Amino acid sequence: MTTVSQIAANPWPGLTGKTALVTGASSGLGAHFARLLAREGVMVTLAARRMDPMVALTAEITAAGGTAEALGLDVGDTDAVERVLSGRRFDILVNNAGIGDAGSALEQTTAQIDAMLDVNLKGAFHVARAVAAGMRDAGGGAIVNIASILAHRVTARTAAYAASKAGLLHLTRALALEWARHGIRVNALCPGYIETPINADFFATEAGATLIRRIPQRRLGRPEDLDGALLLLVSDAGRYITGADIVVDGGHLVTSL
């Protein structure tokens, strides 16, 4: 039987010395996740299309005592993913790169729809494959796909985005099943509405305020509200968790129809 003293002797396992790739790390949640992991002692590789913000973030992390590097990468370019990530080894992948473009399903262009599927779904798939090859050879690793509550329920004018995130959720389960034998855990994190500089103007409007009132906690999430779930999924604290998705949304999904 486990005793209280034995429980106390098993503290947070920590991540010091681990390596991680964070895609979409030039801004928003990707940049936040990179900072979080660096503070935990992880050697972080930031990947995105825009180099200047990543170079600045790398300097910020380094100045704070962390270790980081910037890697130019368009996850929607399959050839670039294979070329840039070939031979690289990571213990952790945070598959965060994504784009959103709200609009009527009848009015969105084929290019807009393809772009969302190429980045949000196909891009995440190709990055996971490239990183998992190294994880398999090293004996395992942890992959977290950043999905959305729109993978579970839909709202107007988000057909392509919601489809891409729902596909990402099912991809998470399929890869978890296939790669468990290699010691690779694959999970998804589904944020609700998180306050960022990009959406601040909308949530200052009456329409934005109405949406906030529909969230049971009556507030937007903050990037740091995702920290606990992410750290659980990438660390040995979650070593028996794979094929799961964790929703962090202030109770939004449990509201009545």
C-alpha atoms as a PDB file:
ATOM      1  CA  MET A   1       0.000   0.000   0.000  1.00  0.00           C
ATOM      2  CA  THR A   2       1.261   3.496  -0.861  1.00  0.00           C
ATOM      3  CA  THR A   3       1.964   5.594   2.220  1.00  0.00           C
ATOM      4  CA  VAL A   4       1.793   9.365   2.646  1.00  0.00           C
ATOM      5  CA  SER A   5       5.580   9.517   2.928  1.00  0.00           C
ATOM      6  CA  GLN A   6       5.954   7.669  -0.363  1.00  0.00           C
ATOM      7  CA  ILE A   7       3.615  10.109  -2.096  1.00  0.00           C
ATOM      8  CA  ALA A   8       5.585  13.055  -0.731  1.00  0.00           C
ATOM      9  CA  ALA A   9       8.781  11.511  -2.076  1.00  0.00           C
ATOM     10  CA  ASN A  10       7.454  11.703  -5.664  1.00  0.00           C
ATOM     11  CA  PRO A  11       7.523  15.414  -6.545  1.00  0.00           C
ATOM     12  CA  TRP A  12       6.913  17.014  -9.931  1.00  0.00           C
ATOM     13  CA  PRO A  13       9.209  15.037 -12.261  1.00  0.00           C
ATOM     14  CA  GLY A  14      10.461  18.130 -14.057  1.00  0.00           C
ATOM     15  CA  LEU A  15      11.632  18.615 -17.626  1.00  0.00           C
ATOM     16  CA  THR A  16      15.195  19.838 -17.182  1.00  0.00           C
ATOM     17  CA  GLY A  17      17.448  18.683 -19.996  1.00  0.00           C
ATOM     18  CA  LYS A  18      14.613  17.749 -22.360  1.00  0.00           C
ATOM     19  CA  THR A  19      14.448  19.084 -25.905  1.00  0.00           C
ATOM     20  CA  ALA A  20      11.295  20.439 -27.523  1.00  0.00           C
ATOM     21  CA  LEU A  21      10.060  21.705 -30.858  1.00  0.00           C
ATOM     22  CA  VAL A  22       7.270  24.292 -30.719  1.00  0.00           C
ATOM     23  CA  THR A  23       5.682  25.201 -34.044  1.00  0.00           C
ATOM     24  CA  GLY A  24       3.900  28.484 -34.636  1.00  0.00           C
ATOM     25  CA  ALA A  25       6.241  29.960 -32.033  1.00  0.00           C
ATOM     26  CA  SER A  26       6.604  33.463 -33.447  1.00  0.00           C
ATOM     27  CA  SER A  27       3.634  34.822 -31.468  1.00  0.00           C
ATOM     28  CA  GLY A  28       0.531  33.994 -29.433  1.00  0.00           C
ATOM     29  CA  LEU A  29       0.209  30.625 -27.741  1.00  0.00           C
ATOM     30  CA  GLY A  30       3.286  29.215 -29.480  1.00  0.00           C
ATOM     31  CA  ALA A  31       5.498  31.925 -28.017  1.00  0.00           C
ATOM     32  CA  HIS A  32       3.869  31.403 -24.617  1.00  0.00           C
ATOM     33  CA  PHE A  33       4.485  27.652 -24.717  1.00  0.00           C
ATOM     34  CA  ALA A  34       8.118  28.235 -25.706  1.00  0.00           C
ATOM     35  CA  ARG A  35       8.652  30.543 -22.728  1.00  0.00           C
ATOM     36  CA  LEU A  36       6.924  28.074 -20.397  1.00  0.00           C
ATOM     37  CA  LEU A  37       9.040  25.110 -21.461  1.00  0.00           C
ATOM     38  CA  ALA A  38      12.249  27.160 -21.347  1.00  0.00           C
ATOM     39  CA  ARG A  39      11.459  28.160 -17.745  1.00  0.00           C
ATOM     40  CA  GLU A  40      11.137  24.455 -16.957  1.00  0.00           C
ATOM     41  CA  GLY A  41      14.678  23.822 -18.192  1.00  0.00           C
ATOM     42  CA  VAL A  42      13.768  22.542 -21.662  1.00  0.00           C
ATOM     43  CA  MET A  43      16.038  23.331 -24.607  1.00  0.00           C
ATOM     44  CA  VAL A  44      13.470  24.823 -26.982  1.00  0.00           C
ATOM     45  CA  THR A  45      13.516  25.033 -30.770  1.00  0.00           C
ATOM     46  CA  LEU A  46      11.101  27.668 -32.030  1.00  0.00           C
ATOM     47  CA  ALA A  47       9.700  27.089 -35.515  1.00  0.00           C
ATOM     48  CA  ALA A  48       7.585  29.434 -37.639  1.00  0.00           C
ATOM     49  CA  ARG A  49       7.601  31.334 -40.899  1.00  0.00           C
ATOM     50  CA  ARG A  50       8.467  34.724 -39.373  1.00  0.00           C
ATOM     51  CA  MET A  51      12.075  34.804 -38.219  1.00  0.00           C
ATOM     52  CA  ASP A  52      12.342  38.280 -36.676  1.00  0.00           C
ATOM     53  CA  PRO A  53       9.882  37.670 -33.790  1.00  0.00           C
ATOM     54  CA  MET A  54      11.496  34.295 -33.085  1.00  0.00           C
ATOM     55  CA  VAL A  55      14.985  35.777 -33.022  1.00  0.00           C
ATOM     56  CA  ALA A  56      13.741  38.333 -30.491  1.00  0.00           C
ATOM     57  CA  LEU A  57      12.068  35.626 -28.406  1.00  0.00           C
ATOM     58  CA  THR A  58      15.182  33.478 -28.522  1.00  0.00           C
ATOM     59  CA  ALA A  59      17.212  36.407 -27.185  1.00  0.00           C
ATOM     60  CA  GLU A  60      14.612  36.958 -24.438  1.00  0.00           C
ATOM     61  CA  ILE A  61      14.716  33.304 -23.364  1.00  0.00           C
ATOM     62  CA  THR A  62      18.512  33.241 -23.427  1.00  0.00           C
ATOM     63  CA  ALA A  63      18.724  36.440 -21.358  1.00  0.00           C
ATOM     64  CA  ALA A  64      16.455  34.815 -18.775  1.00  0.00           C
ATOM     65  CA  GLY A  65      18.839  31.855 -18.485  1.00  0.00           C
ATOM     66  CA  GLY A  66      17.086  29.478 -20.864  1.00  0.00           C
ATOM     67  CA  THR A  67      18.211  27.761 -24.046  1.00  0.00           C
ATOM     68  CA  ALA A  68      16.489  28.365 -27.370  1.00  0.00           C
ATOM     69  CA  GLU A  69      17.054  28.467 -31.096  1.00  0.00           C
ATOM     70  CA  ALA A  70      14.951  29.782 -33.989  1.00  0.00           C
ATOM     71  CA  LEU A  71      14.123  27.679 -37.020  1.00  0.00           C
ATOM     72  CA  GLY A  72      12.434  29.032 -40.126  1.00  0.00           C
ATOM     73  CA  LEU A  73       9.688  26.598 -41.105  1.00  0.00           C
ATOM     74  CA  ASP A  74       6.407  26.691 -43.013  1.00  0.00           C
ATOM     75  CA  VAL A  75       4.539  23.611 -41.794  1.00  0.00           C
ATOM     76  CA  GLY A  76       2.258  23.838 -44.819  1.00  0.00           C
ATOM     77  CA  ASP A  77       5.233  23.055 -47.070  1.00  0.00           C
ATOM     78  CA  THR A  78       5.681  19.284 -46.869  1.00  0.00           C
ATOM     79  CA  ASP A  79       9.070  19.297 -48.589  1.00  0.00           C
ATOM     80  CA  ALA A  80      10.356  21.979 -46.209  1.00  0.00           C
ATOM     81  CA  VAL A  81       9.160  20.021 -43.162  1.00  0.00           C
ATOM     82  CA  GLU A  82      11.053  16.924 -44.276  1.00  0.00           C
ATOM     83  CA  ARG A  83      14.170  18.879 -45.223  1.00  0.00           C
ATOM     84  CA  VAL A  84      14.377  21.101 -42.128  1.00  0.00           C
ATOM     85  CA  LEU A  85      13.518  18.453 -39.531  1.00  0.00           C
ATOM     86  CA  SER A  86      15.446  15.538 -41.024  1.00  0.00           C
ATOM     87  CA  GLY A  87      17.959  14.175 -38.526  1.00  0.00           C
ATOM     88  CA  ARG A  88      16.786  16.359 -35.634  1.00  0.00           C
ATOM     89  CA  ARG A  89      15.831  14.732 -32.315  1.00  0.00           C
ATOM     90  CA  PHE A  90      13.281  16.069 -29.846  1.00  0.00           C
ATOM     91  CA  ASP A  91      11.776  14.675 -26.660  1.00  0.00           C
ATOM     92  CA  ILE A  92       8.710  16.902 -26.991  1.00  0.00           C
ATOM     93  CA  LEU A  93       6.671  18.293 -29.869  1.00  0.00           C
ATOM     94  CA  VAL A  94       4.083  21.011 -29.357  1.00  0.00           C
ATOM     95  CA  ASN A  95       2.217  21.017 -32.671  1.00  0.00           C
ATOM     96  CA  ASN A  96       0.822  24.527 -32.332  1.00  0.00           C
ATOM     97  CA  ALA A  97       1.064  26.115 -35.801  1.00  0.00           C
ATOM     98  CA  GLY A  98      -2.357  26.989 -37.110  1.00  0.00           C
ATOM     99  CA  ILE A  99      -4.356  29.575 -38.986  1.00  0.00           C
ATOM    100  CA  GLY A 100      -7.975  30.661 -38.790  1.00  0.00           C
ATOM    101  CA  ASP A 101     -10.043  32.485 -41.375  1.00  0.00           C
ATOM    102  CA  ALA A 102     -13.720  32.814 -40.477  1.00  0.00           C
ATOM    103  CA  GLY A 103     -16.168  33.073 -43.299  1.00  0.00           C
ATOM    104  CA  SER A 104     -19.225  31.598 -44.949  1.00  0.00           C
ATOM    105  CA  ALA A 105     -18.706  28.109 -46.325  1.00  0.00           C
ATOM    106  CA  LEU A 106     -20.296  29.249 -49.575  1.00  0.00           C
ATOM    107  CA  GLU A 107     -18.120  32.341 -49.873  1.00  0.00           C
ATOM    108  CA  GLN A 108     -14.669  31.185 -48.767  1.00  0.00           C
ATOM    109  CA  THR A 109     -12.303  30.533 -51.625  1.00  0.00           C
ATOM    110  CA  THR A 110     -10.751  27.168 -52.373  1.00  0.00           C
ATOM    111  CA  ALA A 111      -7.374  28.703 -51.528  1.00  0.00           C
ATOM    112  CA  GLN A 112      -8.581  29.770 -48.066  1.00  0.00           C
ATOM    113  CA  ILE A 113     -10.005  26.338 -47.313  1.00  0.00           C
ATOM    114  CA  ASP A 114      -6.913  24.540 -48.595  1.00  0.00           C
ATOM    115  CA  ALA A 115      -4.613  26.788 -46.568  1.00  0.00           C
ATOM    116  CA  MET A 116      -6.373  25.917 -43.310  1.00  0.00           C
ATOM    117  CA  LEU A 117      -6.316  22.210 -44.034  1.00  0.00           C
ATOM    118  CA  ASP A 118      -2.685  22.367 -45.210  1.00  0.00           C
ATOM    119  CA  VAL A 119      -1.469  24.072 -42.024  1.00  0.00           C
ATOM    120  CA  ASN A 120      -3.868  22.950 -39.293  1.00  0.00           C
ATOM    121  CA  LEU A 121      -4.216  19.303 -40.269  1.00  0.00           C
ATOM    122  CA  LYS A 122      -1.754  18.189 -42.930  1.00  0.00           C
ATOM    123  CA  GLY A 123       1.034  20.361 -41.537  1.00  0.00           C
ATOM    124  CA  ALA A 124       0.569  18.949 -38.045  1.00  0.00           C
ATOM    125  CA  PHE A 125       0.546  15.421 -39.495  1.00  0.00           C
ATOM    126  CA  HIS A 126       3.787  15.897 -41.428  1.00  0.00           C
ATOM    127  CA  VAL A 127       5.589  17.561 -38.508  1.00  0.00           C
ATOM    128  CA  ALA A 128       4.471  14.762 -36.175  1.00  0.00           C
ATOM    129  CA  ARG A 129       5.741  12.144 -38.621  1.00  0.00           C
ATOM    130  CA  ALA A 130       9.113  13.862 -39.004  1.00  0.00           C
ATOM    131  CA  VAL A 131       9.600  14.213 -35.246  1.00  0.00           C
ATOM    132  CA  ALA A 132       8.225  10.770 -34.366  1.00  0.00           C
ATOM    133  CA  ALA A 133      10.888   9.094 -36.507  1.00  0.00           C
ATOM    134  CA  GLY A 134      13.560  10.439 -34.166  1.00  0.00           C
ATOM    135  CA  MET A 135      11.489   9.724 -31.059  1.00  0.00           C
ATOM    136  CA  ARG A 136      11.065   6.101 -32.126  1.00  0.00           C
ATOM    137  CA  ASP A 137      14.813   5.670 -32.504  1.00  0.00           C
ATOM    138  CA  ALA A 138      15.418   7.335 -29.119  1.00  0.00           C
ATOM    139  CA  GLY A 139      12.862   5.195 -27.280  1.00  0.00           C
ATOM    140  CA  GLY A 140       9.919   7.566 -27.019  1.00  0.00           C
ATOM    141  CA  GLY A 141       8.631  11.083 -26.590  1.00  0.00           C
ATOM    142  CA  ALA A 142       5.542  13.238 -26.125  1.00  0.00           C
ATOM    143  CA  ILE A 143       3.524  14.994 -28.808  1.00  0.00           C
ATOM    144  CA  VAL A 144       0.798  17.521 -28.010  1.00  0.00           C
ATOM    145  CA  ASN A 145      -1.429  18.727 -30.840  1.00  0.00           C
ATOM    146  CA  ILE A 146      -3.069  22.068 -30.163  1.00  0.00           C
ATOM    147  CA  ALA A 147      -6.675  21.667 -31.293  1.00  0.00           C
ATOM    148  CA  SER A 148      -9.699  23.725 -30.204  1.00  0.00           C
ATOM    149  CA  ILE A 149     -13.106  23.439 -28.588  1.00  0.00           C
ATOM    150  CA  LEU A 150     -14.347  23.807 -32.174  1.00  0.00           C
ATOM    151  CA  ALA A 151     -13.105  20.254 -32.681  1.00  0.00           C
ATOM    152  CA  HIS A 152     -16.018  19.240 -30.423  1.00  0.00           C
ATOM    153  CA  ARG A 153     -18.755  21.750 -31.180  1.00  0.00           C
ATOM    154  CA  VAL A 154     -19.217  24.238 -33.985  1.00  0.00           C
ATOM    155  CA  THR A 155     -20.191  27.841 -34.391  1.00  0.00           C
ATOM    156  CA  ALA A 156     -21.191  29.840 -37.442  1.00  0.00           C
ATOM    157  CA  ARG A 157     -18.728  30.719 -40.205  1.00  0.00           C
ATOM    158  CA  THR A 158     -16.006  28.298 -39.069  1.00  0.00           C
ATOM    159  CA  ALA A 159     -16.636  25.227 -41.237  1.00  0.00           C
ATOM    160  CA  ALA A 160     -13.120  24.841 -42.638  1.00  0.00           C
ATOM    161  CA  TYR A 161     -11.391  25.693 -39.366  1.00  0.00           C
ATOM    162  CA  ALA A 162     -13.644  23.409 -37.303  1.00  0.00           C
ATOM    163  CA  ALA A 163     -13.157  20.561 -39.793  1.00  0.00           C
ATOM    164  CA  SER A 164      -9.380  20.959 -39.639  1.00  0.00           C
ATOM    165  CA  LYS A 165      -9.358  20.868 -35.832  1.00  0.00           C
ATOM    166  CA  ALA A 166     -11.784  17.939 -35.637  1.00  0.00           C
ATOM    167  CA  GLY A 167      -9.536  16.080 -38.061  1.00  0.00           C
ATOM    168  CA  LEU A 168      -6.545  16.918 -35.860  1.00  0.00           C
ATOM    169  CA  LEU A 169      -8.326  15.406 -32.870  1.00  0.00           C
ATOM    170  CA  HIS A 170      -8.980  12.129 -34.657  1.00  0.00           C
ATOM    171  CA  LEU A 171      -5.439  12.142 -36.043  1.00  0.00           C
ATOM    172  CA  THR A 172      -4.235  12.435 -32.437  1.00  0.00           C
ATOM    173  CA  ARG A 173      -6.094   9.264 -31.486  1.00  0.00           C
ATOM    174  CA  ALA A 174      -4.910   7.342 -34.547  1.00  0.00           C
ATOM    175  CA  LEU A 175      -1.249   8.261 -34.019  1.00  0.00           C
ATOM    176  CA  ALA A 176      -1.493   7.504 -30.293  1.00  0.00           C
ATOM    177  CA  LEU A 177      -2.664   3.992 -31.126  1.00  0.00           C
ATOM    178  CA  GLU A 178      -0.027   3.441 -33.797  1.00  0.00           C
ATOM    179  CA  TRP A 179       2.943   4.879 -31.926  1.00  0.00           C
ATOM    180  CA  ALA A 180       2.290   3.667 -28.369  1.00  0.00           C
ATOM    181  CA  ARG A 181       4.490   0.631 -29.037  1.00  0.00           C
ATOM    182  CA  HIS A 182       7.394   3.019 -29.668  1.00  0.00           C
ATOM    183  CA  GLY A 183       6.943   4.823 -26.354  1.00  0.00           C
ATOM    184  CA  ILE A 184       5.501   7.898 -28.094  1.00  0.00           C
ATOM    185  CA  ARG A 185       2.516   9.492 -26.409  1.00  0.00           C
ATOM    186  CA  VAL A 186       0.212  11.628 -28.566  1.00  0.00           C
ATOM    187  CA  ASN A 187      -2.421  13.848 -26.970  1.00  0.00           C
ATOM    188  CA  ALA A 188      -4.386  16.967 -27.796  1.00  0.00           C
ATOM    189  CA  LEU A 189      -5.024  20.188 -25.922  1.00  0.00           C
ATOM    190  CA  CYS A 190      -8.294  21.934 -26.800  1.00  0.00           C
ATOM    191  CA  PRO A 191      -8.313  25.579 -25.693  1.00  0.00           C
ATOM    192  CA  GLY A 192     -11.485  27.586 -25.453  1.00  0.00           C
ATOM    193  CA  TYR A 193     -11.455  31.319 -26.102  1.00  0.00           C
ATOM    194  CA  ILE A 194      -8.052  32.568 -24.948  1.00  0.00           C
ATOM    195  CA  GLU A 195      -7.264  36.270 -24.734  1.00  0.00           C
ATOM    196  CA  THR A 196      -4.444  37.293 -27.078  1.00  0.00           C
ATOM    197  CA  PRO A 197      -3.449  40.562 -28.786  1.00  0.00           C
ATOM    198  CA  ILE A 198      -4.984  39.241 -32.017  1.00  0.00           C
ATOM    199  CA  ASN A 199      -8.538  38.925 -30.641  1.00  0.00           C
ATOM    200  CA  ALA A 200      -8.485  41.785 -28.109  1.00  0.00           C
ATOM    201  CA  ASP A 201     -10.350  44.213 -30.395  1.00  0.00           C
ATOM    202  CA  PHE A 202     -13.179  41.740 -31.046  1.00  0.00           C
ATOM    203  CA  PHE A 203     -13.722  40.937 -27.382  1.00  0.00           C
ATOM    204  CA  ALA A 204     -13.959  44.662 -26.666  1.00  0.00           C
ATOM    205  CA  THR A 205     -17.083  44.827 -28.861  1.00  0.00           C
ATOM    206  CA  GLU A 206     -20.650  44.044 -27.811  1.00  0.00           C
ATOM    207  CA  ALA A 207     -20.543  40.789 -29.824  1.00  0.00           C
ATOM    208  CA  GLY A 208     -17.383  39.805 -27.985  1.00  0.00           C
ATOM    209  CA  ALA A 209     -18.888  40.680 -24.619  1.00  0.00           C
ATOM    210  CA  THR A 210     -21.944  38.557 -25.459  1.00  0.00           C
ATOM    211  CA  LEU A 211     -19.713  35.579 -26.204  1.00  0.00           C
ATOM    212  CA  ILE A 212     -17.859  36.020 -22.915  1.00  0.00           C
ATOM    213  CA  ARG A 213     -21.160  35.998 -21.017  1.00  0.00           C
ATOM    214  CA  ARG A 214     -21.861  32.534 -22.467  1.00  0.00           C
ATOM    215  CA  ILE A 215     -18.717  31.117 -20.813  1.00  0.00           C
ATOM    216  CA  PRO A 216     -19.691  29.682 -17.402  1.00  0.00           C
ATOM    217  CA  GLN A 217     -16.679  31.281 -15.702  1.00  0.00           C
ATOM    218  CA  ARG A 218     -17.692  34.603 -17.298  1.00  0.00           C
ATOM    219  CA  ARG A 219     -14.201  35.395 -18.500  1.00  0.00           C
ATOM    220  CA  LEU A 220     -11.794  34.679 -21.306  1.00  0.00           C
ATOM    221  CA  GLY A 221      -8.994  32.254 -20.698  1.00  0.00           C
ATOM    222  CA  ARG A 222      -5.437  33.499 -20.350  1.00  0.00           C
ATOM    223  CA  PRO A 223      -2.457  31.731 -21.952  1.00  0.00           C
ATOM    224  CA  GLU A 224      -1.212  30.672 -18.517  1.00  0.00           C
ATOM    225  CA  ASP A 225      -4.498  28.832 -17.925  1.00  0.00           C
ATOM    226  CA  LEU A 226      -3.183  26.226 -20.380  1.00  0.00           C
ATOM    227  CA  ASP A 227       0.111  25.671 -18.541  1.00  0.00           C
ATOM    228  CA  GLY A 228      -0.966  22.894 -16.203  1.00  0.00           C
ATOM    229  CA  ALA A 229      -2.516  20.790 -18.945  1.00  0.00           C
ATOM    230  CA  LEU A 230       0.451  21.219 -21.282  1.00  0.00           C
ATOM    231  CA  LEU A 231       3.014  20.346 -18.600  1.00  0.00           C
ATOM    232  CA  LEU A 232       1.015  17.265 -17.643  1.00  0.00           C
ATOM    233  CA  LEU A 233       0.938  16.009 -21.226  1.00  0.00           C
ATOM    234  CA  VAL A 234       4.625  16.591 -22.027  1.00  0.00           C
ATOM    235  CA  SER A 235       6.075  15.279 -18.766  1.00  0.00           C
ATOM    236  CA  ASP A 236       6.352  11.950 -16.974  1.00  0.00           C
ATOM    237  CA  ALA A 237       3.480  13.110 -14.768  1.00  0.00           C
ATOM    238  CA  GLY A 238       1.303  12.085 -17.726  1.00  0.00           C
ATOM    239  CA  ARG A 239       3.266   8.983 -18.682  1.00  0.00           C
ATOM    240  CA  TYR A 240       0.112   6.805 -18.881  1.00  0.00           C
ATOM    241  CA  ILE A 241      -1.922   9.339 -20.861  1.00  0.00           C
ATOM    242  CA  THR A 242      -2.090   8.899 -24.628  1.00  0.00           C
ATOM    243  CA  GLY A 243      -4.836   9.369 -27.197  1.00  0.00           C
ATOM    244  CA  ALA A 244      -6.573  11.851 -24.894  1.00  0.00           C
ATOM    245  CA  ASP A 245      -7.739  15.408 -25.369  1.00  0.00           C
ATOM    246  CA  ILE A 246      -7.905  17.907 -22.539  1.00  0.00           C
ATOM    247  CA  VAL A 247     -10.373  20.771 -22.870  1.00  0.00           C
ATOM    248  CA  VAL A 248      -9.454  24.044 -21.138  1.00  0.00           C
ATOM    249  CA  ASP A 249     -12.341  26.405 -21.738  1.00  0.00           C
ATOM    250  CA  GLY A 250     -13.840  27.699 -18.497  1.00  0.00           C
ATOM    251  CA  GLY A 251     -16.751  25.275 -18.908  1.00  0.00           C
ATOM    252  CA  HIS A 252     -17.794  26.543 -22.344  1.00  0.00           C
ATOM    253  CA  LEU A 253     -18.424  23.093 -23.814  1.00  0.00           C
ATOM    254  CA  VAL A 254     -20.785  22.062 -21.039  1.00  0.00           C
ATOM    255  CA  THR A 255     -23.199  24.919 -21.632  1.00  0.00           C
ATOM    256  CA  SER A 256     -26.709  23.891 -22.665  1.00  0.00           C
ATOM    257  CA  LEU A 257     -27.783  23.967 -26.298  1.00  0.00           C
END
